[in-house]
Each structure stands twice: as C-alpha cells, then as structure tokens.
Amino acid sequence: MNQPKLFILSVAAVLAAAPLHAEVVMLDPAFVSCTLPLLPGGVTSYQNVVNQSGLSSTYVSQTTTFDSYIATNPTSGLPATNFTVVVGTQPVYVFDLGVKADVSKVILWNSISGALNRVSNFTVKVSNSLDFSAATNAGTFSLNTSNPAYPVSAEVFTTTPATGRYVQVTFNNATGANTTFGEIAFAGTVVPEASSAALAGLGALLLVRRRRAA
C-alpha cells in the first residue's frame, strides 16, 4: 500500500478513535437553577452554592485537578452569605457544567449538624440534555451529620460513571422546613469535542510522517 493511501487511512482511524484520557479535574457549574424558591430576606442567588465564596481554598474549573484540590482540605464557613436557603424540603437543583464531562465525583459542604435544614441525603442524575429525558442515575448518597460547627469539611462521593453536560441533584433535608448547604462542586474528565480530538491525533500523525520522511 502506498504511503499517501496509508496516511489517509490513519487519519480516518484517528477521527473514529475514542477521546484521549485526561486527568480528573474540578468542574465549576456555569449556571444553577432550582425548583424551590429562595428563603425571603436571605441570599438572593442560587449561584451562591457554586461561587466558592465560603471556601477556605478555591479552584480553577477544568484546570485544577481533583487530587490537588482535595489535598488542601478545603472547608466552608461563615458568614451566612456563603450559602443558600430554599423554602421546602426536597429541592431539585440543575447544574450546567458548561462542557460535556465524564462526571465521577460530587464534593459537598453541608450546613452544621445542629441545623435542622441541613442536607441528609441526595440523588444525582447526569444528562446531555437539559430536560433530562435521557439521563444516567449516578447514585444516592448519605451525608455525615456529625460536623459540630463551622468550618465544615468537604464530603466526597464517587458516582456511578455518567457522561453529560447537566447534573441534576435532588436533596432531602434533615427535619426542618427549609433546605440549606454551603457549597457543591463536581469533578470528572472533560470530554473533548470530536474536532479537537481529531486535530490532536492528526498533528501526531503528521509529526510521525515528517520524521519518517527525514
């Protein structure tokens, strides 16, 4: 087989190849929505649960690795403006990661154990469509309620493998009339667009071809 034809077949193989492996990185949602209203007179934005305002150390979305961030032992603390309180006991939050990702971790900073409105457990679904018409159930998780006071340590939960841009989290609180927690984050590997993966592979093939021709 001549070299040009072999090269074309190699490029075709790259285009059909699976995305390259990547590190597990922190994912900061670009947008947050919730099915329940905010507590009147309290925090005025759902974005407060992902804006890192109450965390002792912060991260850069899609850049900071999960392992390096968790190694800093990040905590969540006061003031009250660092978390969000919604009216009701089973809010459903939807988080737009901004990119398609293989989600593998949920990191959550709860409210203090003395707060009746703290989260007791939650269920995670991941989808590539905002209406979650096709979604993967990534698991149901229970939180440790023994944190006595602020600052609250992060709790890390490993999900069932799930790929998508949107994450739906249904929370159940302890025994109060409302639901509150400090912060939530996600971690996983970003799924590159097909064009990006193809260009990376094509570049590698061109380099190999040039070296062989030299």
C-alpha atoms as a PDB file:
ATOM      1  CA  MET A   1       0.000   0.000   0.000  1.00  0.00           C
ATOM      2  CA  ASN A   2       1.453   3.414  -0.950  1.00  0.00           C
ATOM      3  CA  GLN A   3       2.214   5.998   1.725  1.00  0.00           C
ATOM      4  CA  PRO A   4      -0.467   8.604   0.808  1.00  0.00           C
ATOM      5  CA  LYS A   5      -3.219   5.995   0.976  1.00  0.00           C
ATOM      6  CA  LEU A   6      -1.856   4.606   4.246  1.00  0.00           C
ATOM      7  CA  PHE A   7      -1.752   8.110   5.668  1.00  0.00           C
ATOM      8  CA  ILE A   8      -5.375   8.780   4.706  1.00  0.00           C
ATOM      9  CA  LEU A   9      -6.462   5.543   6.364  1.00  0.00           C
ATOM     10  CA  SER A  10      -4.528   6.524   9.507  1.00  0.00           C
ATOM     11  CA  VAL A  11      -6.299   9.891   9.627  1.00  0.00           C
ATOM     12  CA  ALA A  12      -9.659   8.133   9.289  1.00  0.00           C
ATOM     13  CA  ALA A  13      -8.743   5.899  12.194  1.00  0.00           C
ATOM     14  CA  VAL A  14      -7.917   8.944  14.324  1.00  0.00           C
ATOM     15  CA  LEU A  15     -11.263  10.537  13.523  1.00  0.00           C
ATOM     16  CA  ALA A  16     -13.051   7.414  14.716  1.00  0.00           C
ATOM     17  CA  ALA A  17     -10.912   6.967  17.800  1.00  0.00           C
ATOM     18  CA  ALA A  18     -12.150   7.478  21.340  1.00  0.00           C
ATOM     19  CA  PRO A  19     -11.166  10.700  23.168  1.00  0.00           C
ATOM     20  CA  LEU A  20      -7.764  10.742  24.835  1.00  0.00           C
ATOM     21  CA  HIS A  21      -7.601  10.045  28.563  1.00  0.00           C
ATOM     22  CA  ALA A  22      -7.407  13.113  30.777  1.00  0.00           C
ATOM     23  CA  GLU A  23      -6.959  13.925  34.436  1.00  0.00           C
ATOM     24  CA  VAL A  24      -9.907  14.249  36.779  1.00  0.00           C
ATOM     25  CA  VAL A  25     -10.376  17.994  37.209  1.00  0.00           C
ATOM     26  CA  MET A  26     -12.657  20.218  39.249  1.00  0.00           C
ATOM     27  CA  LEU A  27     -15.806  21.370  37.426  1.00  0.00           C
ATOM     28  CA  ASP A  28     -17.497  24.611  38.453  1.00  0.00           C
ATOM     29  CA  PRO A  29     -21.054  24.893  37.061  1.00  0.00           C
ATOM     30  CA  ALA A  30     -21.665  27.862  34.809  1.00  0.00           C
ATOM     31  CA  PHE A  31     -25.349  28.094  35.753  1.00  0.00           C
ATOM     32  CA  VAL A  32     -27.638  26.839  38.544  1.00  0.00           C
ATOM     33  CA  SER A  33     -31.422  26.527  38.778  1.00  0.00           C
ATOM     34  CA  CYS A  34     -33.715  25.142  41.476  1.00  0.00           C
ATOM     35  CA  THR A  35     -37.342  24.010  41.709  1.00  0.00           C
ATOM     36  CA  LEU A  36     -37.927  25.732  45.073  1.00  0.00           C
ATOM     37  CA  PRO A  37     -37.872  29.467  45.855  1.00  0.00           C
ATOM     38  CA  LEU A  38     -35.174  31.162  47.912  1.00  0.00           C
ATOM     39  CA  LEU A  39     -35.985  31.991  51.514  1.00  0.00           C
ATOM     40  CA  PRO A  40     -37.340  35.593  51.606  1.00  0.00           C
ATOM     41  CA  GLY A  41     -34.895  38.007  53.164  1.00  0.00           C
ATOM     42  CA  GLY A  42     -31.987  35.589  52.705  1.00  0.00           C
ATOM     43  CA  VAL A  43     -29.434  35.048  49.989  1.00  0.00           C
ATOM     44  CA  THR A  44     -30.728  36.202  46.617  1.00  0.00           C
ATOM     45  CA  SER A  45     -28.961  33.820  44.240  1.00  0.00           C
ATOM     46  CA  TYR A  46     -28.800  30.062  43.725  1.00  0.00           C
ATOM     47  CA  GLN A  47     -25.317  30.689  42.307  1.00  0.00           C
ATOM     48  CA  ASN A  48     -24.135  31.052  45.911  1.00  0.00           C
ATOM     49  CA  VAL A  49     -23.795  27.273  46.231  1.00  0.00           C
ATOM     50  CA  VAL A  50     -21.165  27.120  43.466  1.00  0.00           C
ATOM     51  CA  ASN A  51     -19.383  30.502  43.566  1.00  0.00           C
ATOM     52  CA  GLN A  52     -16.720  29.292  46.064  1.00  0.00           C
ATOM     53  CA  SER A  53     -17.349  32.362  48.250  1.00  0.00           C
ATOM     54  CA  GLY A  54     -17.354  30.421  51.515  1.00  0.00           C
ATOM     55  CA  LEU A  55     -14.474  28.048  50.805  1.00  0.00           C
ATOM     56  CA  SER A  56     -11.100  28.217  52.540  1.00  0.00           C
ATOM     57  CA  SER A  57      -9.356  27.431  49.246  1.00  0.00           C
ATOM     58  CA  THR A  58     -10.619  27.805  45.711  1.00  0.00           C
ATOM     59  CA  TYR A  59     -10.019  26.059  42.396  1.00  0.00           C
ATOM     60  CA  VAL A  60      -9.972  26.839  38.677  1.00  0.00           C
ATOM     61  CA  SER A  61     -12.648  24.952  36.778  1.00  0.00           C
ATOM     62  CA  GLN A  62     -11.340  22.448  34.200  1.00  0.00           C
ATOM     63  CA  THR A  63      -7.761  23.185  35.310  1.00  0.00           C
ATOM     64  CA  THR A  64      -7.267  22.319  38.994  1.00  0.00           C
ATOM     65  CA  THR A  65      -7.014  18.566  39.455  1.00  0.00           C
ATOM     66  CA  PHE A  66      -9.345  16.901  41.914  1.00  0.00           C
ATOM     67  CA  ASP A  67      -6.496  15.283  43.855  1.00  0.00           C
ATOM     68  CA  SER A  68      -4.527  18.505  44.292  1.00  0.00           C
ATOM     69  CA  TYR A  69      -7.594  20.441  45.404  1.00  0.00           C
ATOM     70  CA  ILE A  70      -8.823  17.917  47.957  1.00  0.00           C
ATOM     71  CA  ALA A  71      -5.295  17.736  49.347  1.00  0.00           C
ATOM     72  CA  THR A  72      -5.760  21.358  50.544  1.00  0.00           C
ATOM     73  CA  ASN A  73      -8.532  20.161  52.901  1.00  0.00           C
ATOM     74  CA  PRO A  74     -10.971  22.889  51.810  1.00  0.00           C
ATOM     75  CA  THR A  75     -13.617  23.904  54.345  1.00  0.00           C
ATOM     76  CA  SER A  76     -16.776  26.003  54.205  1.00  0.00           C
ATOM     77  CA  GLY A  77     -17.597  28.572  56.873  1.00  0.00           C
ATOM     78  CA  LEU A  78     -19.487  31.680  57.875  1.00  0.00           C
ATOM     79  CA  PRO A  79     -20.849  34.282  57.154  1.00  0.00           C
ATOM     80  CA  ALA A  80     -24.357  33.219  56.180  1.00  0.00           C
ATOM     81  CA  THR A  81     -23.987  34.907  52.797  1.00  0.00           C
ATOM     82  CA  ASN A  82     -21.789  31.979  51.765  1.00  0.00           C
ATOM     83  CA  PHE A  83     -24.683  29.524  51.438  1.00  0.00           C
ATOM     84  CA  THR A  84     -28.243  29.356  50.116  1.00  0.00           C
ATOM     85  CA  VAL A  85     -31.520  28.525  51.888  1.00  0.00           C
ATOM     86  CA  VAL A  86     -34.544  27.422  49.862  1.00  0.00           C
ATOM     87  CA  VAL A  87     -38.131  27.067  51.080  1.00  0.00           C
ATOM     88  CA  GLY A  88     -39.118  23.401  51.239  1.00  0.00           C
ATOM     89  CA  THR A  89     -37.641  20.001  51.966  1.00  0.00           C
ATOM     90  CA  GLN A  90     -36.849  18.406  48.600  1.00  0.00           C
ATOM     91  CA  PRO A  91     -35.293  20.915  46.200  1.00  0.00           C
ATOM     92  CA  VAL A  92     -34.120  19.746  42.780  1.00  0.00           C
ATOM     93  CA  TYR A  93     -31.071  21.650  41.573  1.00  0.00           C
ATOM     94  CA  VAL A  94     -29.830  21.533  37.988  1.00  0.00           C
ATOM     95  CA  PHE A  95     -26.209  22.450  37.314  1.00  0.00           C
ATOM     96  CA  ASP A  96     -24.890  23.327  33.859  1.00  0.00           C
ATOM     97  CA  LEU A  97     -21.216  22.326  33.749  1.00  0.00           C
ATOM     98  CA  GLY A  98     -20.710  24.264  30.520  1.00  0.00           C
ATOM     99  CA  VAL A  99     -18.931  21.291  28.957  1.00  0.00           C
ATOM    100  CA  LYS A 100     -19.651  17.622  28.406  1.00  0.00           C
ATOM    101  CA  ALA A 101     -17.804  15.580  31.024  1.00  0.00           C
ATOM    102  CA  ASP A 102     -17.434  12.113  32.493  1.00  0.00           C
ATOM    103  CA  VAL A 103     -18.642  13.034  35.983  1.00  0.00           C
ATOM    104  CA  SER A 104     -17.098  10.865  38.693  1.00  0.00           C
ATOM    105  CA  LYS A 105     -17.144  12.918  41.913  1.00  0.00           C
ATOM    106  CA  VAL A 106     -19.519  15.130  43.872  1.00  0.00           C
ATOM    107  CA  ILE A 107     -17.992  17.333  46.568  1.00  0.00           C
ATOM    108  CA  LEU A 108     -20.409  18.837  49.072  1.00  0.00           C
ATOM    109  CA  TRP A 109     -20.029  21.098  52.085  1.00  0.00           C
ATOM    110  CA  ASN A 110     -23.101  20.685  54.288  1.00  0.00           C
ATOM    111  CA  SER A 111     -24.586  23.011  56.871  1.00  0.00           C
ATOM    112  CA  ILE A 112     -23.618  22.437  60.519  1.00  0.00           C
ATOM    113  CA  SER A 113     -25.028  19.369  62.271  1.00  0.00           C
ATOM    114  CA  GLY A 114     -27.172  21.480  64.604  1.00  0.00           C
ATOM    115  CA  ALA A 115     -29.086  22.972  61.687  1.00  0.00           C
ATOM    116  CA  LEU A 116     -32.358  21.133  61.048  1.00  0.00           C
ATOM    117  CA  ASN A 117     -32.361  22.398  57.476  1.00  0.00           C
ATOM    118  CA  ARG A 118     -29.075  20.700  56.552  1.00  0.00           C
ATOM    119  CA  VAL A 119     -28.989  18.075  53.791  1.00  0.00           C
ATOM    120  CA  SER A 120     -29.287  14.447  54.929  1.00  0.00           C
ATOM    121  CA  ASN A 121     -29.009  12.702  51.532  1.00  0.00           C
ATOM    122  CA  PHE A 122     -29.174  13.406  47.817  1.00  0.00           C
ATOM    123  CA  THR A 123     -29.594  11.700  44.436  1.00  0.00           C
ATOM    124  CA  VAL A 124     -27.565  12.545  41.342  1.00  0.00           C
ATOM    125  CA  LYS A 125     -28.504  12.237  37.666  1.00  0.00           C
ATOM    126  CA  VAL A 126     -26.360  13.225  34.686  1.00  0.00           C
ATOM    127  CA  SER A 127     -27.616  14.046  31.203  1.00  0.00           C
ATOM    128  CA  ASN A 128     -26.547  15.690  27.990  1.00  0.00           C
ATOM    129  CA  SER A 129     -29.997  17.271  27.611  1.00  0.00           C
ATOM    130  CA  LEU A 130     -31.387  19.968  29.866  1.00  0.00           C
ATOM    131  CA  ASP A 131     -34.784  18.275  30.160  1.00  0.00           C
ATOM    132  CA  PHE A 132     -33.148  15.024  31.419  1.00  0.00           C
ATOM    133  CA  SER A 133     -35.295  12.995  29.051  1.00  0.00           C
ATOM    134  CA  ALA A 134     -32.315  10.666  28.762  1.00  0.00           C
ATOM    135  CA  ALA A 135     -30.319  10.572  31.975  1.00  0.00           C
ATOM    136  CA  THR A 136     -27.993   8.304  33.927  1.00  0.00           C
ATOM    137  CA  ASN A 137     -28.689   7.717  37.606  1.00  0.00           C
ATOM    138  CA  ALA A 138     -25.276   8.316  39.166  1.00  0.00           C
ATOM    139  CA  GLY A 139     -26.229   7.291  42.701  1.00  0.00           C
ATOM    140  CA  THR A 140     -27.868   8.213  46.010  1.00  0.00           C
ATOM    141  CA  PHE A 141     -25.643   9.329  48.872  1.00  0.00           C
ATOM    142  CA  SER A 142     -25.989   9.989  52.608  1.00  0.00           C
ATOM    143  CA  LEU A 143     -24.043  12.717  54.355  1.00  0.00           C
ATOM    144  CA  ASN A 144     -22.156  12.624  57.602  1.00  0.00           C
ATOM    145  CA  THR A 145     -24.131  14.734  60.081  1.00  0.00           C
ATOM    146  CA  SER A 146     -21.502  14.803  62.822  1.00  0.00           C
ATOM    147  CA  ASN A 147     -19.855  18.099  61.847  1.00  0.00           C
ATOM    148  CA  PRO A 148     -20.443  20.089  65.066  1.00  0.00           C
ATOM    149  CA  ALA A 149     -19.783  23.604  63.810  1.00  0.00           C
ATOM    150  CA  TYR A 150     -18.170  25.741  61.180  1.00  0.00           C
ATOM    151  CA  PRO A 151     -15.845  25.358  59.384  1.00  0.00           C
ATOM    152  CA  VAL A 152     -17.412  22.322  57.702  1.00  0.00           C
ATOM    153  CA  SER A 153     -15.165  19.833  55.904  1.00  0.00           C
ATOM    154  CA  ALA A 154     -15.821  18.674  52.352  1.00  0.00           C
ATOM    155  CA  GLU A 155     -17.510  15.319  51.821  1.00  0.00           C
ATOM    156  CA  VAL A 156     -16.547  13.475  48.647  1.00  0.00           C
ATOM    157  CA  PHE A 157     -18.838  10.988  46.900  1.00  0.00           C
ATOM    158  CA  THR A 158     -17.850   8.761  43.985  1.00  0.00           C
ATOM    159  CA  THR A 159     -20.641   8.426  41.443  1.00  0.00           C
ATOM    160  CA  THR A 160     -21.583   5.683  39.044  1.00  0.00           C
ATOM    161  CA  PRO A 161     -19.850   6.565  35.741  1.00  0.00           C
ATOM    162  CA  ALA A 162     -22.034   9.090  33.913  1.00  0.00           C
ATOM    163  CA  THR A 163     -21.414  11.406  30.974  1.00  0.00           C
ATOM    164  CA  GLY A 164     -23.172  14.669  30.212  1.00  0.00           C
ATOM    165  CA  ARG A 165     -23.213  18.434  30.467  1.00  0.00           C
ATOM    166  CA  TYR A 166     -26.009  18.737  33.021  1.00  0.00           C
ATOM    167  CA  VAL A 167     -26.171  17.392  36.579  1.00  0.00           C
ATOM    168  CA  GLN A 168     -29.439  17.124  38.489  1.00  0.00           C
ATOM    169  CA  VAL A 169     -29.242  16.816  42.272  1.00  0.00           C
ATOM    170  CA  THR A 170     -32.340  16.104  44.368  1.00  0.00           C
ATOM    171  CA  PHE A 171     -31.743  16.948  48.029  1.00  0.00           C
ATOM    172  CA  ASN A 172     -33.532  15.708  51.132  1.00  0.00           C
ATOM    173  CA  ASN A 173     -33.052  17.710  54.326  1.00  0.00           C
ATOM    174  CA  ALA A 174     -32.974  16.551  57.930  1.00  0.00           C
ATOM    175  CA  THR A 175     -36.138  17.639  59.742  1.00  0.00           C
ATOM    176  CA  GLY A 176     -36.525  21.375  59.133  1.00  0.00           C
ATOM    177  CA  ALA A 177     -38.954  23.292  56.923  1.00  0.00           C
ATOM    178  CA  ASN A 178     -36.252  24.529  54.547  1.00  0.00           C
ATOM    179  CA  THR A 179     -33.088  23.144  52.951  1.00  0.00           C
ATOM    180  CA  THR A 180     -29.583  24.571  53.115  1.00  0.00           C
ATOM    181  CA  PHE A 181     -25.986  23.631  52.415  1.00  0.00           C
ATOM    182  CA  GLY A 182     -22.769  25.539  51.945  1.00  0.00           C
ATOM    183  CA  GLU A 183     -21.272  24.621  48.604  1.00  0.00           C
ATOM    184  CA  ILE A 184     -21.251  21.900  45.959  1.00  0.00           C
ATOM    185  CA  ALA A 185     -18.727  21.048  43.249  1.00  0.00           C
ATOM    186  CA  PHE A 186     -18.154  18.282  40.752  1.00  0.00           C
ATOM    187  CA  ALA A 187     -15.116  16.558  39.309  1.00  0.00           C
ATOM    188  CA  GLY A 188     -14.503  14.450  36.238  1.00  0.00           C
ATOM    189  CA  THR A 189     -12.761  14.320  32.897  1.00  0.00           C
ATOM    190  CA  VAL A 190     -13.779  16.772  30.205  1.00  0.00           C
ATOM    191  CA  VAL A 191     -14.913  15.057  27.009  1.00  0.00           C
ATOM    192  CA  PRO A 192     -13.189  16.841  24.106  1.00  0.00           C
ATOM    193  CA  GLU A 193     -15.180  17.715  21.022  1.00  0.00           C
ATOM    194  CA  ALA A 194     -14.643  15.312  18.138  1.00  0.00           C
ATOM    195  CA  SER A 195     -12.868  18.017  16.137  1.00  0.00           C
ATOM    196  CA  SER A 196     -10.409  18.682  18.965  1.00  0.00           C
ATOM    197  CA  ALA A 197      -9.571  15.012  19.390  1.00  0.00           C
ATOM    198  CA  ALA A 198      -9.155  14.608  15.648  1.00  0.00           C
ATOM    199  CA  LEU A 199      -6.831  17.597  15.347  1.00  0.00           C
ATOM    200  CA  ALA A 200      -4.672  16.306  18.206  1.00  0.00           C
ATOM    201  CA  GLY A 201      -4.378  12.900  16.572  1.00  0.00           C
ATOM    202  CA  LEU A 202      -3.794  14.390  13.137  1.00  0.00           C
ATOM    203  CA  GLY A 203      -0.964  16.509  14.487  1.00  0.00           C
ATOM    204  CA  ALA A 204       0.673  13.413  15.949  1.00  0.00           C
ATOM    205  CA  LEU A 205       0.368  11.560  12.636  1.00  0.00           C
ATOM    206  CA  LEU A 206       1.871  14.474  10.686  1.00  0.00           C
ATOM    207  CA  LEU A 207       4.803  14.565  13.085  1.00  0.00           C
ATOM    208  CA  VAL A 208       5.411  10.812  12.642  1.00  0.00           C
ATOM    209  CA  ARG A 209       5.188  11.141   8.858  1.00  0.00           C
ATOM    210  CA  ARG A 210       7.659  14.021   8.815  1.00  0.00           C
ATOM    211  CA  ARG A 211      10.147  12.084  10.899  1.00  0.00           C
ATOM    212  CA  ARG A 212       9.891   9.073   8.580  1.00  0.00           C
ATOM    213  CA  ALA A 213      10.425  11.260   5.529  1.00  0.00           C
ATOM    214  CA  ALA A 214      13.512  12.908   7.074  1.00  0.00           C
END
